[in-house]
């Protein structure tokens, strides 16, 4: 009876430990999948939006003048931009299609004039119209919009539309940049499969160890369970006890594995992939925590927003690979100077947020000028080129607990610096 009772207790312990762990693993998998998918969709939106905006800028720079529609000498209508006839000028959009796989369309009002989208016979679908909801959302409203699902000639797309305006400010058409939904979904699925595999393997391994060592490992397993529950609830800063981490057996290895998984999720959610700085979401959360702590203990802090001067010119002149290299080197300088004095986050594009902890305005200004001097003297080696940049910073003391007001003040001072010569701290 005693042996049977022990087997029953072991079975109960195994069941009550394994089942919650499996459930937790599924929750983490579902949450991680949704977070990753959302992140991928946001990245697609950003990429399509950048291509759209660059197309508008490129056309404006290459063909100065307004868009206009004129009747052709041989009948039909021709679309001009300034003195250039765009009607059959497919070279640029076809090149982008070959390089990126993205489809591009130029609309005059609601009609496709230039497009890379083909019908089943390989003919461009020029002369066809835009969807009514797009005309209402983009053309009529005069605002760019991203669609996660839009049907274009028998194909679903992730699409970004941006209105085209003449010098008068009137909307005369639209640019469309789209990526087939099937391509996006395939990319998302191929990226998620390793996460699913890792999660399944992790659950199998942990369940097997629990099955073998239920009695001796109950305490550590419960600690790991609590840790995973905190992570799945969104607490990526949760800590696992030293009792589990210091074990010299399989359970200790699992403890380190789940911490590594936490670090991976932490990086995925809170770290900017290019610069390795905190991303905007993480920067915003950390700033709120600094403001809260300052309100509680009365310590000083300052907030700055910095922007690389004329960064678009770097990208346009030397290419985006060079621009990415500049961003990385600027981030290294920011990280080095901010270590022990606060933190830096990539706020968006070439813009950075800097939060100085336990520093008054004069101290923050001094450190910020040291950062600026290092950036001025930075030499970014790209191929045989040496690229130099400057930055402009807007700095404000933490004299309010209103985060929105702090950011607005820093941004206004950045804007002031941009308009008064750049390359300075305001």
Protein backbone atom coordinates (compact mmCIF):
# COMPACT_ATOMS: atom_id res chain seq x y z
CA UNK A 1 0.00 0.00 0.00
CA UNK A 2 2.84 2.33 0.82
CA UNK A 3 4.55 1.77 -2.54
CA UNK A 4 1.25 2.25 -4.27
CA UNK A 5 0.68 5.43 -2.29
CA UNK A 6 4.13 6.71 -3.25
CA UNK A 7 3.40 5.96 -6.90
CA UNK A 8 0.14 7.83 -6.59
CA UNK A 9 1.84 10.84 -4.98
CA UNK A 10 4.52 10.79 -7.67
CA UNK A 11 1.84 10.62 -10.34
CA UNK A 12 -0.05 13.54 -8.78
CA UNK A 13 3.12 15.61 -8.48
CA UNK A 14 4.13 14.79 -12.03
CA UNK A 15 0.68 15.57 -13.36
CA UNK A 16 0.27 18.82 -11.44
CA UNK A 17 3.74 19.94 -12.50
CA UNK A 18 3.76 18.83 -16.13
CA UNK A 19 0.27 19.99 -17.11
CA UNK A 20 0.70 23.60 -15.95
CA UNK A 21 4.12 23.70 -17.61
CA UNK A 22 2.71 22.45 -20.91
CA UNK A 23 -0.12 24.98 -20.70
CA UNK A 24 2.35 27.74 -19.90
CA UNK A 25 4.52 26.71 -22.84
CA UNK A 26 1.52 26.95 -25.16
CA UNK A 27 0.65 30.39 -23.79
CA UNK A 28 4.25 31.57 -24.26
CA UNK A 29 4.24 30.13 -27.78
CA UNK A 30 0.97 31.85 -28.67
CA UNK A 31 2.04 35.16 -27.14
CA UNK A 32 5.50 34.97 -28.71
CA UNK A 33 4.00 34.10 -32.10
CA UNK A 34 1.58 37.01 -31.95
CA UNK A 35 4.27 39.44 -30.80
CA UNK A 36 6.63 38.27 -33.53
CA UNK A 37 3.92 38.40 -36.21
CA UNK A 38 2.92 41.91 -35.17
CA UNK A 39 6.56 42.97 -35.24
CA UNK A 40 7.00 41.49 -38.73
CA UNK A 41 3.88 43.27 -39.99
CA UNK A 42 5.15 46.56 -38.57
CA UNK A 43 8.47 45.99 -40.30
CA UNK A 44 6.68 45.35 -43.61
CA UNK A 45 4.68 48.55 -43.12
CA UNK A 46 7.86 50.53 -42.43
CA UNK A 47 9.66 49.05 -45.46
CA UNK A 48 6.77 49.67 -47.85
CA UNK A 49 6.27 53.18 -46.47
CA UNK A 50 9.96 54.00 -46.93
CA UNK A 51 9.92 52.79 -50.53
CA UNK A 52 6.75 54.81 -51.21
CA UNK A 53 8.18 58.01 -49.74
CA UNK A 54 11.50 57.52 -51.52
CA UNK A 55 9.68 57.09 -54.84
CA UNK A 56 7.84 60.39 -54.35
CA UNK A 57 11.10 62.13 -53.44
CA UNK A 58 12.97 60.55 -56.35
CA UNK A 59 10.34 61.53 -58.91
CA UNK A 60 10.25 65.09 -57.56
CA UNK A 61 14.05 65.35 -57.73
CA UNK A 62 14.46 63.66 -61.13
CA UNK A 63 11.51 65.29 -62.89
CA UNK A 64 10.86 68.79 -61.48
CA UNK A 65 7.39 70.17 -62.05
CA UNK A 66 3.75 69.20 -61.58
CA UNK A 67 1.92 66.12 -62.79
CA UNK A 68 -0.48 66.76 -65.65
CA UNK A 69 -2.49 64.71 -68.12
CA UNK A 70 -2.44 65.73 -71.81
CA UNK A 71 -4.03 64.32 -74.91
CA UNK A 72 -1.45 62.50 -77.07
CA UNK A 73 -0.82 63.32 -80.71
CA UNK A 74 -1.87 59.84 -81.78
CA UNK A 75 -4.91 59.72 -79.55
CA UNK A 76 -5.20 58.71 -75.93
CA UNK A 77 -3.70 60.55 -72.99
CA UNK A 78 -0.14 60.98 -71.73
CA UNK A 79 0.95 61.66 -68.14
CA UNK A 80 3.69 64.26 -67.73
CA UNK A 81 5.71 65.41 -64.73
CA UNK A 82 7.16 68.73 -65.67
CA UNK A 83 8.43 68.19 -69.21
CA UNK A 84 8.97 64.45 -68.84
CA UNK A 85 6.54 61.91 -70.27
CA UNK A 86 6.00 59.23 -67.61
CA UNK A 87 3.45 57.20 -69.55
CA UNK A 88 5.75 54.33 -70.55
CA UNK A 89 8.77 55.05 -68.32
CA UNK A 90 8.95 51.69 -66.51
CA UNK A 91 12.71 51.50 -65.98
CA UNK A 92 12.78 52.63 -62.32
CA UNK A 93 9.80 50.68 -61.03
CA UNK A 94 10.84 47.54 -62.92
CA UNK A 95 14.31 47.77 -61.40
CA UNK A 96 12.83 48.06 -57.90
CA UNK A 97 10.58 45.08 -58.64
CA UNK A 98 13.58 43.00 -59.73
CA UNK A 99 15.63 43.97 -56.68
CA UNK A 100 12.97 43.72 -53.98
CA UNK A 101 10.03 41.75 -55.35
CA UNK A 102 7.74 44.68 -54.52
CA UNK A 103 4.99 45.75 -56.91
CA UNK A 104 4.64 49.47 -57.68
CA UNK A 105 1.86 51.49 -59.27
CA UNK A 106 1.49 55.18 -60.09
CA UNK A 107 -2.13 56.33 -60.21
CA UNK A 108 -3.37 59.48 -61.85
CA UNK A 109 -6.57 60.10 -59.92
CA UNK A 110 -8.03 56.56 -59.75
CA UNK A 111 -6.38 55.17 -62.92
CA UNK A 112 -3.19 53.10 -63.14
CA UNK A 113 -0.71 54.82 -65.45
CA UNK A 114 2.52 52.98 -64.50
CA UNK A 115 2.49 49.57 -62.84
CA UNK A 116 4.49 46.40 -62.39
CA UNK A 117 1.34 44.35 -61.69
CA UNK A 118 0.62 41.92 -64.52
CA UNK A 119 -2.45 39.98 -65.61
CA UNK A 120 -2.39 36.23 -66.31
CA UNK A 121 -1.09 36.86 -69.83
CA UNK A 122 1.82 38.98 -68.64
CA UNK A 123 0.34 42.34 -69.62
CA UNK A 124 0.51 45.35 -67.30
CA UNK A 125 -2.90 46.23 -65.91
CA UNK A 126 -2.63 49.90 -66.89
CA UNK A 127 -5.89 51.79 -67.24
CA UNK A 128 -7.59 49.87 -64.43
CA UNK A 129 -8.99 51.65 -61.41
CA UNK A 130 -8.14 51.82 -57.71
CA UNK A 131 -10.40 50.26 -55.07
CA UNK A 132 -13.18 52.58 -53.80
CA UNK A 133 -12.02 52.32 -50.18
CA UNK A 134 -8.48 53.33 -51.22
CA UNK A 135 -9.83 56.34 -53.11
CA UNK A 136 -11.74 57.37 -50.01
CA UNK A 137 -8.95 56.69 -47.49
CA UNK A 138 -6.00 58.04 -49.48
CA UNK A 139 -7.03 60.14 -52.46
CA UNK A 140 -9.99 61.93 -50.89
CA UNK A 141 -8.45 62.24 -47.43
CA UNK A 142 -4.98 63.13 -48.73
CA UNK A 143 -3.30 60.78 -46.25
CA UNK A 144 -0.99 57.78 -46.64
CA UNK A 145 -2.36 54.44 -45.45
CA UNK A 146 -1.12 50.89 -44.93
CA UNK A 147 -3.36 47.89 -45.66
CA UNK A 148 -2.64 44.38 -44.38
CA UNK A 149 -5.05 42.86 -46.86
CA UNK A 150 -6.04 44.41 -50.16
CA UNK A 151 -7.07 42.62 -53.35
CA UNK A 152 -5.32 43.75 -56.55
CA UNK A 153 -6.14 41.83 -59.71
CA UNK A 154 -6.59 38.37 -58.18
CA UNK A 155 -3.73 38.79 -55.67
CA UNK A 156 -3.81 39.71 -51.98
CA UNK A 157 -1.25 42.34 -50.98
CA UNK A 158 0.21 44.07 -47.99
CA UNK A 159 0.04 47.55 -49.47
CA UNK A 160 1.08 51.11 -48.73
CA UNK A 161 -0.57 54.00 -50.57
CA UNK A 162 0.64 57.59 -50.48
CA UNK A 163 -1.10 60.57 -52.13
CA UNK A 164 0.67 62.52 -54.88
CA UNK A 165 0.31 66.29 -54.70
CA UNK A 166 1.16 69.07 -57.11
CA UNK A 167 2.73 72.33 -56.02
CA UNK A 168 -0.76 73.73 -55.44
CA UNK A 169 -1.28 71.13 -52.73
CA UNK A 170 -4.04 69.35 -54.65
CA UNK A 171 -4.01 65.55 -54.62
CA UNK A 172 -3.76 64.37 -58.24
CA UNK A 173 -2.97 60.69 -57.76
CA UNK A 174 -1.30 58.03 -55.61
CA UNK A 175 1.70 55.77 -55.38
CA UNK A 176 1.15 52.12 -54.44
CA UNK A 177 3.88 49.80 -53.14
CA UNK A 178 2.79 46.28 -52.31
CA UNK A 179 4.12 42.89 -51.30
CA UNK A 180 2.05 39.76 -51.96
CA UNK A 181 0.41 38.48 -48.79
CA UNK A 182 1.61 34.96 -49.57
CA UNK A 183 5.25 36.14 -49.51
CA UNK A 184 4.80 37.92 -46.17
CA UNK A 185 3.00 34.96 -44.58
CA UNK A 186 5.67 32.55 -45.84
CA UNK A 187 8.39 34.73 -44.31
CA UNK A 188 6.51 34.93 -40.99
CA UNK A 189 5.93 31.18 -40.89
CA UNK A 190 9.57 30.32 -41.69
CA UNK A 191 10.66 32.63 -38.86
CA UNK A 192 8.14 31.24 -36.37
CA UNK A 193 8.94 27.55 -36.98
CA UNK A 194 12.22 27.63 -34.98
CA UNK A 195 10.35 29.25 -32.09
CA UNK A 196 7.72 26.50 -32.18
CA UNK A 197 10.39 23.78 -32.41
CA UNK A 198 12.38 25.27 -29.54
CA UNK A 199 9.25 25.62 -27.42
CA UNK A 200 8.15 22.03 -28.10
CA UNK A 201 11.63 20.65 -27.40
CA UNK A 202 11.83 22.70 -24.24
CA UNK A 203 8.49 21.39 -22.94
CA UNK A 204 9.40 17.76 -23.75
CA UNK A 205 12.76 17.98 -22.01
CA UNK A 206 11.37 19.64 -18.90
CA UNK A 207 8.47 17.19 -18.70
CA UNK A 208 10.88 14.25 -18.93
CA UNK A 209 13.08 15.60 -16.14
CA UNK A 210 10.04 16.22 -13.93
CA UNK A 211 8.91 12.65 -14.58
CA UNK A 212 12.29 11.23 -13.48
CA UNK A 213 13.08 13.50 -10.55
CA UNK A 214 9.77 14.70 -9.19
CA UNK A 215 10.43 14.46 -5.48
CA UNK A 216 13.94 15.95 -5.35
CA UNK A 217 13.30 18.71 -7.86
CA UNK A 218 9.85 19.90 -6.75
CA UNK A 219 11.09 23.11 -5.18
CA UNK A 220 13.22 24.15 -8.17
CA UNK A 221 10.52 23.21 -10.65
CA UNK A 222 8.02 25.38 -8.86
CA UNK A 223 10.49 28.28 -8.98
CA UNK A 224 10.98 27.81 -12.72
CA UNK A 225 7.22 27.59 -13.16
CA UNK A 226 6.71 30.88 -11.36
CA UNK A 227 9.45 32.51 -13.43
CA UNK A 228 7.92 31.39 -16.72
CA UNK A 229 4.52 32.55 -15.58
CA UNK A 230 5.91 36.03 -14.94
CA UNK A 231 7.58 36.12 -18.36
CA UNK A 232 4.42 34.95 -20.12
CA UNK A 233 2.50 37.69 -18.29
CA UNK A 234 4.85 40.27 -19.81
CA UNK A 235 7.42 40.73 -17.03
CA UNK A 236 10.60 40.35 -19.10
CA UNK A 237 12.68 41.66 -16.18
CA UNK A 238 11.70 38.80 -13.90
CA UNK A 239 14.56 37.00 -12.12
CA UNK A 240 15.05 33.31 -11.40
CA UNK A 241 16.33 32.30 -7.97
CA UNK A 242 19.97 31.30 -7.49
CA UNK A 243 18.81 27.97 -6.01
CA UNK A 244 17.70 26.80 -9.44
CA UNK A 245 20.48 28.51 -11.41
CA UNK A 246 23.27 27.06 -9.23
CA UNK A 247 22.21 23.43 -9.63
CA UNK A 248 24.86 21.24 -11.31
CA UNK A 249 22.42 18.92 -13.03
CA UNK A 250 19.88 18.88 -15.83
CA UNK A 251 17.44 21.05 -13.91
CA UNK A 252 20.13 23.70 -13.52
CA UNK A 253 20.65 23.64 -17.28
CA UNK A 254 16.92 24.11 -17.81
CA UNK A 255 17.00 27.07 -15.46
CA UNK A 256 19.70 28.69 -17.61
CA UNK A 257 17.79 27.81 -20.79
CA UNK A 258 14.64 29.57 -19.66
CA UNK A 259 16.69 32.61 -18.66
CA UNK A 260 18.27 32.58 -22.15
CA UNK A 261 14.81 32.34 -23.64
CA UNK A 262 13.79 35.32 -21.51
CA UNK A 263 16.81 37.26 -22.79
CA UNK A 264 15.90 36.33 -26.38
CA UNK A 265 12.33 37.52 -25.89
CA UNK A 266 13.64 40.61 -24.12
CA UNK A 267 15.86 41.42 -27.11
CA UNK A 268 13.07 40.71 -29.57
CA UNK A 269 10.60 42.98 -27.80
CA UNK A 270 12.82 45.71 -26.35
CA UNK A 271 16.04 45.93 -28.40
CA UNK A 272 16.53 47.70 -31.72
CA UNK A 273 17.96 45.08 -34.08
CA UNK A 274 20.29 47.46 -35.97
CA UNK A 275 21.87 49.53 -33.20
CA UNK A 276 21.40 47.14 -30.23
CA UNK A 277 20.06 50.11 -28.25
CA UNK A 278 16.68 50.00 -26.51
CA UNK A 279 13.86 50.40 -29.02
CA UNK A 280 11.15 53.03 -28.73
CA UNK A 281 8.80 50.83 -26.72
CA UNK A 282 11.50 49.98 -24.18
CA UNK A 283 12.78 53.57 -24.09
CA UNK A 284 9.31 54.89 -23.37
CA UNK A 285 8.81 52.39 -20.52
CA UNK A 286 12.22 53.14 -18.99
CA UNK A 287 11.61 56.89 -19.21
CA UNK A 288 8.31 56.48 -17.36
CA UNK A 289 10.13 54.49 -14.67
CA UNK A 290 12.80 57.22 -14.33
CA UNK A 291 10.07 59.87 -14.00
CA UNK A 292 8.30 57.76 -11.36
CA UNK A 293 11.52 57.21 -9.39
CA UNK A 294 12.43 60.88 -9.58
CA UNK A 295 9.01 61.84 -8.23
CA UNK A 296 9.45 59.40 -5.36
CA UNK A 297 13.04 60.26 -4.31
CA UNK A 298 13.44 63.83 -5.59
CA UNK A 299 16.48 63.09 -7.76
CA UNK A 300 17.27 65.13 -10.86
CA UNK A 301 17.08 63.85 -14.40
CA UNK A 302 17.11 65.30 -17.91
CA UNK A 303 15.72 64.20 -21.27
CA UNK A 304 17.21 64.82 -24.72
CA UNK A 305 16.15 63.94 -28.24
CA UNK A 306 18.88 63.91 -30.88
CA UNK A 307 18.72 63.65 -34.65
CA UNK A 308 21.54 62.99 -37.14
CA UNK A 309 21.82 66.06 -39.35
CA UNK A 310 21.09 65.57 -43.06
CA UNK A 311 20.91 61.79 -42.64
CA UNK A 312 18.71 61.42 -45.70
CA UNK A 313 21.54 62.91 -47.73
CA UNK A 314 23.86 60.15 -46.45
CA UNK A 315 21.39 57.48 -47.55
CA UNK A 316 20.73 59.14 -50.90
CA UNK A 317 24.44 59.74 -51.62
CA UNK A 318 26.10 56.59 -50.29
CA UNK A 319 23.23 54.13 -49.92
CA UNK A 320 21.35 52.61 -47.00
CA UNK A 321 24.17 50.21 -46.09
CA UNK A 322 26.37 53.22 -45.40
CA UNK A 323 23.50 54.85 -43.50
CA UNK A 324 23.12 51.74 -41.34
CA UNK A 325 26.87 51.81 -40.59
CA UNK A 326 26.59 55.45 -39.51
CA UNK A 327 23.66 54.60 -37.22
CA UNK A 328 25.64 51.76 -35.62
CA UNK A 329 28.70 53.93 -34.94
CA UNK A 330 26.59 56.77 -33.54
CA UNK A 331 24.82 54.23 -31.30
CA UNK A 332 28.18 52.96 -30.02
CA UNK A 333 29.17 56.50 -29.02
CA UNK A 334 25.85 57.07 -27.28
CA UNK A 335 26.05 53.77 -25.44
CA UNK A 336 29.60 54.41 -24.26
CA UNK A 337 28.88 57.88 -22.90
CA UNK A 338 25.51 56.98 -21.35
CA UNK A 339 26.86 53.95 -19.47
CA UNK A 340 26.46 54.79 -15.80
CA UNK A 341 24.71 58.08 -16.53
CA UNK A 342 21.36 56.89 -17.86
CA UNK A 343 20.38 55.20 -21.11
CA UNK A 344 19.96 55.79 -24.85
CA UNK A 345 17.21 54.44 -27.11
CA UNK A 346 16.61 54.53 -30.83
CA UNK A 347 13.50 56.69 -31.04
CA UNK A 348 12.88 56.21 -34.75
CA UNK A 349 14.94 56.37 -37.96
CA UNK A 350 17.94 58.57 -37.24
CA UNK A 351 16.42 59.96 -34.02
CA UNK A 352 17.59 58.95 -30.52
CA UNK A 353 16.26 59.43 -27.00
CA UNK A 354 18.76 60.06 -24.18
CA UNK A 355 17.72 60.04 -20.50
CA UNK A 356 20.27 61.35 -17.98
CA UNK A 357 19.70 60.01 -14.45
CA UNK A 358 20.90 61.83 -11.32
CA UNK A 359 22.14 64.77 -13.44
CA UNK A 360 20.98 68.37 -13.44
CA UNK A 361 20.71 70.44 -16.61
CA UNK A 362 24.32 71.67 -16.55
CA UNK A 363 25.69 68.18 -15.98
CA UNK A 364 23.55 66.72 -18.76
CA UNK A 365 24.52 69.56 -21.11
CA UNK A 366 28.22 68.98 -20.44
CA UNK A 367 27.92 65.24 -21.13
CA UNK A 368 25.82 65.88 -24.22
CA UNK A 369 28.43 68.26 -25.63
CA UNK A 370 31.08 65.57 -25.07
CA UNK A 371 28.89 63.16 -27.03
CA UNK A 372 28.44 65.75 -29.79
CA UNK A 373 32.20 66.35 -30.02
CA UNK A 374 32.84 62.61 -30.39
CA UNK A 375 30.23 62.38 -33.14
CA UNK A 376 31.78 65.36 -34.95
CA UNK A 377 35.16 63.64 -34.95
CA UNK A 378 33.75 60.22 -35.87
CA UNK A 379 34.98 58.81 -39.18
CA UNK A 380 32.72 56.21 -40.72
CA UNK A 381 34.71 54.09 -43.16
CA UNK A 382 32.56 52.73 -45.96
CA UNK A 383 34.38 51.10 -48.88
CA UNK A 384 36.97 53.74 -49.88
CA UNK A 385 34.92 56.58 -48.43
CA UNK A 386 35.13 58.42 -45.13
CA UNK A 387 31.72 59.71 -44.06
CA UNK A 388 31.28 62.24 -41.26
CA UNK A 389 28.08 63.44 -39.64
CA UNK A 390 26.88 65.83 -36.96
CA UNK A 391 23.88 65.78 -34.66
CA UNK A 392 21.47 68.24 -33.14
CA UNK A 393 20.05 67.69 -29.64
CA UNK A 394 17.10 69.18 -27.80
CA UNK A 395 17.63 68.97 -24.02
CA UNK A 396 15.16 69.62 -21.20
CA UNK A 397 15.35 69.16 -17.41
CA UNK A 398 12.98 66.70 -15.75
CA UNK A 399 10.90 69.40 -14.11
CA UNK A 400 7.56 67.67 -14.66
CA UNK A 401 6.11 64.21 -14.22
CA UNK A 402 4.23 64.54 -17.51
CA UNK A 403 6.20 62.34 -19.92
CA UNK A 404 4.36 63.68 -22.97
CA UNK A 405 5.23 67.24 -22.02
CA UNK A 406 8.90 66.32 -21.47
CA UNK A 407 9.16 64.71 -24.88
CA UNK A 408 7.34 67.58 -26.54
CA UNK A 409 9.69 70.14 -24.98
CA UNK A 410 12.80 68.19 -26.00
CA UNK A 411 11.40 67.77 -29.52
CA UNK A 412 10.62 71.49 -29.80
CA UNK A 413 14.18 72.35 -28.79
CA UNK A 414 15.51 69.84 -31.30
CA UNK A 415 13.37 71.49 -33.97
CA UNK A 416 14.71 74.88 -32.91
CA UNK A 417 18.27 73.60 -33.22
CA UNK A 418 17.56 72.20 -36.68
CA UNK A 419 16.25 75.57 -37.81
CA UNK A 420 19.14 77.56 -36.34
CA UNK A 421 22.13 75.87 -37.93
CA UNK A 422 22.07 72.26 -36.66
CA UNK A 423 25.17 70.61 -35.07
CA UNK A 424 24.40 71.90 -31.59
CA UNK A 425 22.75 71.30 -28.22
CA UNK A 426 19.69 73.46 -27.52
